[in-house]
Amino acid sequence: MSTGVFKLVDGETIELTEEENSQRIADGEAAQAEADATAWLRNRQEKYGSWNDQLDEIFHDIDAWKARIQAVKDASPKPE
């Protein structure tokens, strides 16, 4: 049975075996599962801002900083 997926080896195009293709698919699914499991963390980190900006915000208005950080956490909750 043909996989229809190819790799380049020493300048030659070779079709993947069923086993190689199955492993490629499993690796992709595992990588996607890991990315999905940590999406909440990446979302938070993007919205938190840099440490320098956060420290400046804390210095000027700690209550506003607390409210903003809580809003970020509420928008991207940590899975249980």
Protein backbone atom coordinates (compact mmCIF):
# COMPACT_ATOMS: atom_id res chain seq x y z
CA MET A 1 0.00 0.00 0.00
CA SER A 2 1.29 3.43 -0.89
CA THR A 3 1.63 6.09 1.81
CA GLY A 4 1.91 9.00 -0.59
CA VAL A 5 4.45 10.63 1.74
CA PHE A 6 8.05 11.01 0.71
CA LYS A 7 11.43 11.87 2.22
CA LEU A 8 14.64 13.06 0.63
CA VAL A 9 17.66 10.80 1.26
CA ASP A 10 20.99 11.66 -0.38
CA GLY A 11 19.20 13.65 -3.04
CA GLU A 12 16.80 10.82 -3.83
CA THR A 13 13.06 10.97 -3.15
CA ILE A 14 11.92 7.85 -1.28
CA GLU A 15 8.41 6.98 -0.15
CA LEU A 16 7.92 6.44 3.58
CA THR A 17 7.05 2.93 4.70
CA GLU A 18 3.76 2.35 6.53
CA GLU A 19 5.69 2.13 9.80
CA GLU A 20 7.60 5.38 9.17
CA ASN A 21 4.40 7.16 8.19
CA SER A 22 2.57 5.85 11.27
CA GLN A 23 5.43 7.09 13.47
CA ARG A 24 5.37 10.49 11.71
CA ILE A 25 1.64 10.79 12.40
CA ALA A 26 2.03 9.67 16.04
CA ASP A 27 4.85 12.19 16.57
CA GLY A 28 2.71 14.97 15.13
CA GLU A 29 -0.24 14.04 17.33
CA ALA A 30 1.99 13.94 20.43
CA ALA A 31 3.44 17.34 19.62
CA GLN A 32 -0.06 18.77 19.11
CA ALA A 33 -1.26 17.27 22.40
CA GLU A 34 1.68 18.86 24.23
CA ALA A 35 1.01 22.22 22.57
CA ASP A 36 -2.68 22.02 23.50
CA ALA A 37 -1.83 21.10 27.11
CA THR A 38 0.34 24.21 27.55
CA ALA A 39 -1.77 26.67 25.53
CA TRP A 40 -3.10 28.29 28.72
CA LEU A 41 0.47 29.06 29.83
CA ARG A 42 1.52 30.57 26.50
CA ASN A 43 -1.64 32.70 26.45
CA ARG A 44 -0.88 34.03 29.94
CA GLN A 45 2.76 34.76 29.19
CA GLU A 46 1.85 36.76 26.09
CA LYS A 47 -0.64 38.89 28.02
CA TYR A 48 1.40 39.40 31.20
CA GLY A 49 3.97 41.60 29.48
CA SER A 50 7.63 41.94 30.33
CA TRP A 51 8.97 41.88 33.87
CA ASN A 52 10.16 45.46 33.45
CA ASP A 53 6.69 46.65 32.46
CA GLN A 54 5.08 44.72 35.30
CA LEU A 55 7.47 46.12 37.89
CA ASP A 56 6.81 49.64 36.64
CA GLU A 57 3.07 49.01 36.79
CA ILE A 58 3.38 47.63 40.34
CA PHE A 59 5.37 50.70 41.40
CA HIS A 60 2.78 53.10 39.98
CA ASP A 61 -0.45 51.25 40.84
CA ILE A 62 -0.24 47.82 42.44
CA ASP A 63 -4.03 47.47 42.63
CA ALA A 64 -4.42 48.00 38.88
CA TRP A 65 -1.64 45.46 38.27
CA LYS A 66 -3.35 42.89 40.52
CA ALA A 67 -6.65 43.39 38.70
CA ARG A 68 -5.01 43.07 35.27
CA ILE A 69 -3.10 39.91 36.22
CA GLN A 70 -6.26 38.36 37.70
CA ALA A 71 -8.14 39.16 34.48
CA VAL A 72 -5.41 37.40 32.48
CA LYS A 73 -5.59 34.36 34.77
CA ASP A 74 -9.38 34.27 34.52
CA ALA A 75 -9.22 34.47 30.72
CA SER A 76 -6.70 31.59 30.52
CA PRO A 77 -7.37 29.30 33.48
CA LYS A 78 -4.87 26.67 34.53
CA PRO A 79 -6.27 23.18 33.90
CA GLU A 80 -7.02 21.11 36.97
